[in-house]
């Protein structure tokens, strides 16, 4: 029974992270922390790293705190929470940083229905260079209209 609950917490956390990414992107990154996110929309430096990467570090720390609590306290569900956040972070990195922005030159030939839809939605998001008038803030789940031909 505990393993089923563990899996349910892990899957639930992974799913909720898509909403957290959308919320953080729309209201934090395009809001009061635009100063950290703006270099992602309009590169103003020569570094491979972006100030925007600080958001990734924040969620990595949250995940590590969950692992610590799961290991050092009675908070056993820290493990599935931490792994759910970690798994979403890996998926986000693979889709956003590698597939879409090609920070590493992998998955260049991915051209299936889902890949095209996610790529289209992100392209629409990046057509706005300022924090205002943004659209399509999700990553793994985007509006269906981007999947139509």
N, C-alpha and C. Protein backbone atom coordinates (compact mmCIF):
# COMPACT_ATOMS: atom_id res chain seq x y z
N UNK A 1 0.83 -1.21 0.00
CA UNK A 1 0.00 0.00 0.00
C UNK A 1 0.87 1.26 0.00
N UNK A 2 1.95 1.24 0.77
CA UNK A 2 2.80 2.42 0.85
C UNK A 2 3.46 2.74 -0.50
N UNK A 3 3.81 1.71 -1.27
CA UNK A 3 4.44 1.95 -2.58
C UNK A 3 3.44 2.61 -3.53
N UNK A 4 2.17 2.22 -3.46
CA UNK A 4 1.15 2.84 -4.31
C UNK A 4 0.98 4.32 -3.94
N UNK A 5 1.00 4.60 -2.66
CA UNK A 5 0.90 5.99 -2.20
C UNK A 5 2.14 6.79 -2.63
N UNK A 6 3.30 6.16 -2.53
CA UNK A 6 4.56 6.78 -2.95
C UNK A 6 4.47 7.17 -4.43
N UNK A 7 4.02 6.23 -5.26
CA UNK A 7 3.90 6.48 -6.71
C UNK A 7 2.88 7.57 -6.98
N UNK A 8 1.76 7.53 -6.27
CA UNK A 8 0.71 8.55 -6.44
C UNK A 8 1.24 9.94 -6.07
N UNK A 9 1.99 10.04 -4.98
CA UNK A 9 2.57 11.33 -4.58
C UNK A 9 3.58 11.80 -5.62
N UNK A 10 4.42 10.88 -6.10
CA UNK A 10 5.40 11.22 -7.13
C UNK A 10 4.71 11.75 -8.39
N UNK A 11 3.72 11.02 -8.91
CA UNK A 11 3.01 11.44 -10.12
C UNK A 11 2.24 12.74 -9.91
N UNK A 12 1.61 12.86 -8.74
CA UNK A 12 0.89 14.09 -8.42
C UNK A 12 1.83 15.29 -8.36
N UNK A 13 2.99 15.10 -7.75
CA UNK A 13 3.97 16.18 -7.65
C UNK A 13 4.46 16.58 -9.04
N UNK A 14 4.79 15.58 -9.86
CA UNK A 14 5.24 15.86 -11.23
C UNK A 14 4.18 16.68 -11.97
N UNK A 15 2.93 16.28 -11.85
CA UNK A 15 1.83 16.98 -12.53
C UNK A 15 1.64 18.40 -12.00
N UNK A 16 1.68 18.56 -10.70
CA UNK A 16 1.50 19.88 -10.08
C UNK A 16 2.65 20.81 -10.48
N UNK A 17 3.83 20.25 -10.72
CA UNK A 17 4.97 21.07 -11.12
C UNK A 17 4.73 21.78 -12.45
N UNK A 18 3.94 21.20 -13.33
CA UNK A 18 3.62 21.90 -14.59
C UNK A 18 2.83 23.17 -14.28
N UNK A 19 1.88 23.07 -13.34
CA UNK A 19 1.15 24.26 -12.93
C UNK A 19 2.09 25.25 -12.23
N UNK A 20 2.97 24.74 -11.37
CA UNK A 20 3.93 25.62 -10.68
C UNK A 20 4.83 26.33 -11.69
N UNK A 21 5.26 25.61 -12.72
CA UNK A 21 6.11 26.22 -13.75
C UNK A 21 5.33 27.31 -14.48
N UNK A 22 4.08 27.03 -14.84
CA UNK A 22 3.24 28.02 -15.51
C UNK A 22 3.06 29.24 -14.62
N UNK A 23 2.67 29.02 -13.36
CA UNK A 23 2.42 30.11 -12.42
C UNK A 23 3.69 30.94 -12.20
N UNK A 24 4.80 30.27 -11.92
CA UNK A 24 6.07 30.96 -11.70
C UNK A 24 6.48 31.75 -12.94
N UNK A 25 6.31 31.15 -14.10
CA UNK A 25 6.70 31.81 -15.34
C UNK A 25 5.85 33.06 -15.58
N UNK A 26 4.55 32.92 -15.41
CA UNK A 26 3.65 34.04 -15.70
C UNK A 26 3.72 35.16 -14.66
N UNK A 27 3.70 34.81 -13.38
CA UNK A 27 3.55 35.82 -12.34
C UNK A 27 4.85 36.21 -11.63
N UNK A 28 5.86 35.37 -11.69
CA UNK A 28 7.13 35.70 -11.03
C UNK A 28 8.17 36.11 -12.07
N UNK A 29 8.40 35.23 -13.06
CA UNK A 29 9.41 35.54 -14.07
C UNK A 29 9.01 36.74 -14.93
N UNK A 30 7.74 36.81 -15.29
CA UNK A 30 7.25 37.94 -16.07
C UNK A 30 6.64 39.00 -15.15
N UNK A 31 6.95 38.91 -13.88
CA UNK A 31 6.48 39.86 -12.88
C UNK A 31 7.66 40.47 -12.16
N UNK A 32 7.66 40.31 -10.82
CA UNK A 32 8.64 41.02 -10.00
C UNK A 32 10.07 40.52 -10.15
N UNK A 33 10.29 39.34 -10.74
CA UNK A 33 11.66 38.87 -10.98
C UNK A 33 12.02 38.86 -12.48
N UNK A 34 11.40 39.76 -13.22
CA UNK A 34 11.72 39.91 -14.64
C UNK A 34 13.22 40.17 -14.83
N UNK A 35 13.84 40.84 -13.88
CA UNK A 35 15.27 41.15 -14.00
C UNK A 35 16.12 39.87 -14.13
N UNK A 36 15.64 38.76 -13.58
CA UNK A 36 16.35 37.48 -13.73
C UNK A 36 15.96 36.74 -15.01
N UNK A 37 14.79 37.01 -15.52
CA UNK A 37 14.26 36.25 -16.66
C UNK A 37 14.48 36.93 -18.01
N UNK A 38 14.66 38.25 -18.01
CA UNK A 38 14.68 38.97 -19.28
C UNK A 38 15.81 38.54 -20.21
N UNK A 39 16.93 38.09 -19.65
CA UNK A 39 18.03 37.67 -20.53
C UNK A 39 17.69 36.38 -21.28
N UNK A 40 16.64 35.71 -20.87
CA UNK A 40 16.19 34.53 -21.59
C UNK A 40 15.42 34.93 -22.86
N UNK A 41 14.76 36.07 -22.82
CA UNK A 41 14.01 36.56 -23.98
C UNK A 41 14.88 37.39 -24.92
N UNK A 42 15.82 38.10 -24.35
CA UNK A 42 16.72 38.92 -25.16
C UNK A 42 18.11 38.86 -24.52
N UNK A 43 18.95 38.04 -25.12
CA UNK A 43 20.29 37.81 -24.54
C UNK A 43 21.10 39.09 -24.54
N UNK A 44 21.61 39.44 -23.36
CA UNK A 44 22.38 40.67 -23.21
C UNK A 44 23.78 40.40 -22.66
N UNK A 45 24.30 39.20 -22.93
CA UNK A 45 25.61 38.80 -22.42
C UNK A 45 26.19 37.71 -23.32
N UNK A 46 27.44 37.35 -23.09
CA UNK A 46 28.10 36.33 -23.91
C UNK A 46 28.21 34.98 -23.20
N UNK A 47 27.70 34.88 -22.00
CA UNK A 47 27.83 33.66 -21.21
C UNK A 47 26.84 32.58 -21.67
N UNK A 48 27.24 31.33 -21.50
CA UNK A 48 26.34 30.21 -21.76
C UNK A 48 25.23 30.18 -20.71
N UNK A 49 25.58 30.59 -19.49
CA UNK A 49 24.60 30.64 -18.41
C UNK A 49 23.76 31.91 -18.53
N UNK A 50 22.54 31.81 -18.05
CA UNK A 50 21.62 32.95 -18.03
C UNK A 50 21.25 33.24 -16.58
N UNK A 51 20.90 34.48 -16.30
CA UNK A 51 20.38 34.79 -14.97
C UNK A 51 19.11 33.98 -14.72
N UNK A 52 18.40 33.68 -15.78
CA UNK A 52 17.18 32.89 -15.72
C UNK A 52 17.41 31.51 -15.09
N UNK A 53 18.63 30.98 -15.16
CA UNK A 53 18.93 29.67 -14.59
C UNK A 53 18.75 29.64 -13.07
N UNK A 54 18.66 30.79 -12.44
CA UNK A 54 18.43 30.85 -10.99
C UNK A 54 17.13 30.16 -10.60
N UNK A 55 16.13 30.18 -11.47
CA UNK A 55 14.85 29.54 -11.16
C UNK A 55 15.01 28.03 -11.09
N UNK A 56 15.84 27.48 -11.96
CA UNK A 56 16.14 26.05 -11.94
C UNK A 56 16.81 25.69 -10.62
N UNK A 57 17.74 26.53 -10.18
CA UNK A 57 18.46 26.29 -8.93
C UNK A 57 17.49 26.32 -7.74
N UNK A 58 16.53 27.24 -7.77
CA UNK A 58 15.54 27.32 -6.69
C UNK A 58 14.79 26.00 -6.54
N UNK A 59 14.27 25.46 -7.62
CA UNK A 59 13.51 24.20 -7.54
C UNK A 59 14.42 23.03 -7.20
N UNK A 60 15.69 23.06 -7.60
CA UNK A 60 16.64 22.01 -7.21
C UNK A 60 16.83 22.02 -5.70
N UNK A 61 16.91 23.20 -5.12
CA UNK A 61 17.06 23.31 -3.66
C UNK A 61 15.81 22.78 -2.96
N UNK A 62 14.63 23.11 -3.46
CA UNK A 62 13.38 22.60 -2.87
C UNK A 62 13.38 21.07 -2.91
N UNK A 63 13.78 20.50 -4.03
CA UNK A 63 13.85 19.05 -4.17
C UNK A 63 14.83 18.45 -3.16
N UNK A 64 16.00 19.05 -3.02
CA UNK A 64 17.01 18.54 -2.08
C UNK A 64 16.53 18.63 -0.63
N UNK A 65 15.80 19.70 -0.30
CA UNK A 65 15.25 19.82 1.04
C UNK A 65 14.25 18.69 1.29
N UNK A 66 13.44 18.37 0.30
CA UNK A 66 12.50 17.24 0.43
C UNK A 66 13.25 15.93 0.67
N UNK A 67 14.33 15.69 -0.09
CA UNK A 67 15.15 14.49 0.12
C UNK A 67 15.72 14.45 1.53
N UNK A 68 16.24 15.57 1.99
CA UNK A 68 16.81 15.64 3.33
C UNK A 68 15.76 15.32 4.39
N UNK A 69 14.60 15.95 4.26
CA UNK A 69 13.53 15.70 5.23
C UNK A 69 13.08 14.25 5.20
N UNK A 70 13.03 13.66 4.00
CA UNK A 70 12.66 12.26 3.88
C UNK A 70 13.67 11.33 4.52
N UNK A 71 14.92 11.71 4.49
CA UNK A 71 15.99 10.86 5.03
C UNK A 71 16.20 11.06 6.53
N UNK A 72 16.03 12.28 7.00
CA UNK A 72 16.42 12.62 8.37
C UNK A 72 15.27 12.80 9.35
N UNK A 73 14.03 12.72 8.86
CA UNK A 73 12.88 12.92 9.74
C UNK A 73 11.82 11.85 9.44
N UNK A 74 10.71 11.97 10.08
CA UNK A 74 9.57 11.06 9.84
C UNK A 74 8.77 11.47 8.60
N UNK A 75 9.21 12.49 7.93
CA UNK A 75 8.55 13.04 6.73
C UNK A 75 8.89 12.16 5.53
N UNK A 76 8.43 10.88 5.55
CA UNK A 76 8.79 9.90 4.51
C UNK A 76 8.37 10.34 3.12
N UNK A 77 7.29 11.11 3.03
CA UNK A 77 6.82 11.51 1.69
C UNK A 77 7.67 12.62 1.11
N UNK A 78 8.71 13.05 1.82
CA UNK A 78 9.71 13.94 1.24
C UNK A 78 10.39 13.29 0.04
N UNK A 79 10.57 11.96 0.11
CA UNK A 79 11.21 11.25 -1.02
C UNK A 79 10.39 11.35 -2.30
N UNK A 80 9.10 10.94 -2.31
CA UNK A 80 8.36 11.05 -3.57
C UNK A 80 8.15 12.50 -4.01
N UNK A 81 8.02 13.43 -3.05
CA UNK A 81 7.92 14.85 -3.42
C UNK A 81 9.21 15.30 -4.10
N UNK A 82 10.34 14.98 -3.48
CA UNK A 82 11.63 15.37 -4.03
C UNK A 82 11.88 14.76 -5.41
N UNK A 83 11.54 13.48 -5.56
CA UNK A 83 11.72 12.84 -6.86
C UNK A 83 10.76 13.38 -7.91
N UNK A 84 9.55 13.76 -7.51
CA UNK A 84 8.60 14.36 -8.45
C UNK A 84 9.10 15.70 -8.97
N UNK A 85 9.64 16.51 -8.07
CA UNK A 85 10.20 17.80 -8.47
C UNK A 85 11.43 17.59 -9.35
N UNK A 86 12.29 16.66 -8.95
CA UNK A 86 13.49 16.35 -9.73
C UNK A 86 13.13 15.85 -11.13
N UNK A 87 12.18 14.93 -11.22
CA UNK A 87 11.78 14.38 -12.53
C UNK A 87 11.22 15.48 -13.42
N UNK A 88 10.41 16.39 -12.85
CA UNK A 88 9.89 17.50 -13.65
C UNK A 88 11.04 18.40 -14.09
N UNK A 89 11.99 18.66 -13.21
CA UNK A 89 13.14 19.48 -13.58
C UNK A 89 13.92 18.88 -14.72
N UNK A 90 14.10 17.56 -14.70
CA UNK A 90 14.80 16.89 -15.79
C UNK A 90 14.00 16.99 -17.08
N UNK A 91 12.69 16.75 -16.99
CA UNK A 91 11.84 16.86 -18.19
C UNK A 91 11.85 18.28 -18.74
N UNK A 92 11.76 19.26 -17.86
CA UNK A 92 11.79 20.65 -18.27
C UNK A 92 13.11 20.98 -18.96
N UNK A 93 14.22 20.54 -18.36
CA UNK A 93 15.53 20.79 -18.95
C UNK A 93 15.64 20.14 -20.32
N UNK A 94 15.17 18.91 -20.44
CA UNK A 94 15.25 18.20 -21.72
C UNK A 94 14.41 18.90 -22.79
N UNK A 95 13.20 19.29 -22.44
CA UNK A 95 12.30 19.91 -23.42
C UNK A 95 12.70 21.36 -23.69
N UNK A 96 12.86 22.15 -22.64
CA UNK A 96 13.09 23.58 -22.81
C UNK A 96 14.52 23.92 -23.23
N UNK A 97 15.48 23.48 -22.44
CA UNK A 97 16.86 23.89 -22.69
C UNK A 97 17.54 23.11 -23.81
N UNK A 98 17.24 21.82 -23.90
CA UNK A 98 17.91 21.01 -24.92
C UNK A 98 17.12 20.97 -26.22
N UNK A 99 15.85 20.56 -26.15
CA UNK A 99 15.06 20.41 -27.38
C UNK A 99 14.71 21.75 -28.03
N UNK A 100 14.17 22.68 -27.25
CA UNK A 100 13.71 23.94 -27.84
C UNK A 100 14.86 24.92 -28.08
N UNK A 101 15.64 25.21 -27.05
CA UNK A 101 16.68 26.24 -27.18
C UNK A 101 18.04 25.70 -27.62
N UNK A 102 18.16 24.39 -27.73
CA UNK A 102 19.38 23.76 -28.25
C UNK A 102 20.65 24.19 -27.50
N UNK A 103 20.55 24.26 -26.17
CA UNK A 103 21.75 24.57 -25.38
C UNK A 103 22.76 23.43 -25.51
N UNK A 104 22.27 22.25 -25.77
CA UNK A 104 23.08 21.11 -26.21
C UNK A 104 22.46 20.67 -27.53
N UNK A 105 23.24 20.22 -28.44
CA UNK A 105 22.76 19.90 -29.79
C UNK A 105 22.23 18.46 -29.88
N UNK A 106 21.20 18.19 -29.06
CA UNK A 106 20.56 16.88 -29.08
C UNK A 106 19.12 17.06 -29.54
N UNK A 107 18.48 16.01 -29.93
CA UNK A 107 17.06 15.99 -30.31
C UNK A 107 16.72 16.98 -31.41
N UNK A 108 17.67 17.29 -32.27
CA UNK A 108 17.44 18.27 -33.33
C UNK A 108 16.42 17.78 -34.35
N UNK A 109 16.32 16.47 -34.52
CA UNK A 109 15.45 15.93 -35.56
C UNK A 109 14.08 15.50 -35.04
N UNK A 110 13.79 15.74 -33.78
CA UNK A 110 12.48 15.40 -33.24
C UNK A 110 11.43 16.24 -33.95
N UNK A 111 10.51 15.58 -34.59
CA UNK A 111 9.53 16.32 -35.39
C UNK A 111 8.16 15.65 -35.35
N UNK A 112 7.81 15.06 -34.22
CA UNK A 112 6.50 14.44 -34.10
C UNK A 112 5.44 15.48 -33.72
N UNK A 113 4.22 15.06 -33.63
CA UNK A 113 3.07 15.94 -33.36
C UNK A 113 3.28 16.75 -32.08
N UNK A 114 3.69 16.08 -30.99
CA UNK A 114 3.88 16.75 -29.72
C UNK A 114 5.04 17.74 -29.80
N UNK A 115 6.15 17.32 -30.37
CA UNK A 115 7.34 18.18 -30.47
C UNK A 115 7.03 19.45 -31.26
N UNK A 116 6.32 19.32 -32.36
CA UNK A 116 5.98 20.51 -33.16
C UNK A 116 5.07 21.46 -32.38
N UNK A 117 4.10 20.92 -31.65
CA UNK A 117 3.18 21.75 -30.87
C UNK A 117 3.88 22.51 -29.76
N UNK A 118 4.74 21.83 -29.04
CA UNK A 118 5.48 22.49 -27.95
C UNK A 118 6.42 23.54 -28.52
N UNK A 119 7.06 23.23 -29.62
CA UNK A 119 7.99 24.18 -30.24
C UNK A 119 7.23 25.43 -30.73
N UNK A 120 6.07 25.23 -31.35
CA UNK A 120 5.25 26.36 -31.81
C UNK A 120 4.83 27.25 -30.65
N UNK A 121 4.34 26.63 -29.59
CA UNK A 121 3.87 27.40 -28.43
C UNK A 121 5.00 28.22 -27.82
N UNK A 122 6.16 27.63 -27.74
CA UNK A 122 7.29 28.36 -27.15
C UNK A 122 7.75 29.49 -28.07
N UNK A 123 7.69 29.26 -29.36
CA UNK A 123 8.05 30.31 -30.31
C UNK A 123 7.11 31.51 -30.17
N UNK A 124 5.84 31.24 -29.99
CA UNK A 124 4.85 32.32 -29.78
C UNK A 124 5.17 33.06 -28.48
N UNK A 125 5.55 32.31 -27.45
CA UNK A 125 5.90 32.95 -26.17
C UNK A 125 7.09 33.89 -26.35
N UNK A 126 8.08 33.47 -27.10
CA UNK A 126 9.31 34.26 -27.24
C UNK A 126 9.21 35.38 -28.27
N UNK A 127 8.09 35.49 -28.96
CA UNK A 127 7.97 36.63 -29.88
C UNK A 127 7.83 37.95 -29.11
N UNK A 128 7.48 37.85 -27.83
CA UNK A 128 7.39 39.03 -26.96
C UNK A 128 8.72 39.21 -26.24
N UNK A 129 9.38 40.33 -26.43
CA UNK A 129 10.68 40.57 -25.82
C UNK A 129 10.60 41.29 -24.49
N UNK A 130 9.40 41.75 -24.13
CA UNK A 130 9.23 42.42 -22.84
C UNK A 130 8.40 41.53 -21.93
N UNK A 131 8.25 41.95 -20.69
CA UNK A 131 7.50 41.12 -19.74
C UNK A 131 5.98 41.23 -19.95
N UNK A 132 5.54 42.26 -20.67
CA UNK A 132 4.12 42.44 -20.90
C UNK A 132 3.67 41.64 -22.12
N UNK A 133 2.37 41.45 -22.21
CA UNK A 133 1.72 40.83 -23.37
C UNK A 133 2.18 39.41 -23.65
N UNK A 134 2.73 38.72 -22.67
CA UNK A 134 3.16 37.34 -22.87
C UNK A 134 1.99 36.40 -23.04
N UNK A 135 2.27 35.28 -23.63
CA UNK A 135 1.26 34.24 -23.78
C UNK A 135 1.94 32.89 -23.76
N UNK A 136 1.17 31.86 -23.50
CA UNK A 136 1.64 30.49 -23.52
C UNK A 136 2.81 30.28 -22.55
N UNK A 137 2.52 30.25 -21.27
CA UNK A 137 3.55 30.15 -20.23
C UNK A 137 3.86 28.72 -19.80
N UNK A 138 3.09 27.75 -20.26
CA UNK A 138 3.34 26.36 -19.89
C UNK A 138 4.52 25.77 -20.63
N UNK A 139 4.90 24.56 -20.26
CA UNK A 139 6.03 23.92 -20.93
C UNK A 139 5.63 22.57 -21.52
N UNK A 140 5.20 21.65 -20.70
CA UNK A 140 4.87 20.32 -21.19
C UNK A 140 3.43 20.22 -21.65
N UNK A 141 2.57 21.07 -21.08
CA UNK A 141 1.16 21.11 -21.46
C UNK A 141 0.90 22.49 -22.03
N UNK A 142 0.59 22.53 -23.31
CA UNK A 142 0.32 23.80 -23.99
C UNK A 142 -1.04 23.73 -24.64
N UNK A 143 -1.65 24.87 -24.96
CA UNK A 143 -2.98 24.85 -25.57
C UNK A 143 -3.02 24.01 -26.85
N UNK A 144 -4.14 23.35 -27.04
CA UNK A 144 -4.32 22.42 -28.15
C UNK A 144 -4.13 23.08 -29.50
N UNK A 145 -4.43 24.39 -29.60
CA UNK A 145 -4.34 25.08 -30.89
C UNK A 145 -2.94 25.00 -31.50
N UNK A 146 -1.91 24.81 -30.66
CA UNK A 146 -0.54 24.73 -31.19
C UNK A 146 -0.22 23.37 -31.80
N UNK A 147 -1.11 22.41 -31.60
CA UNK A 147 -0.90 21.08 -32.16
C UNK A 147 -1.60 20.90 -33.50
N UNK A 148 -2.44 21.85 -33.86
CA UNK A 148 -3.14 21.79 -35.14
C UNK A 148 -2.21 22.20 -36.26
N UNK A 149 -2.42 21.68 -37.43
CA UNK A 149 -1.56 22.02 -38.58
C UNK A 149 -1.88 23.39 -39.10
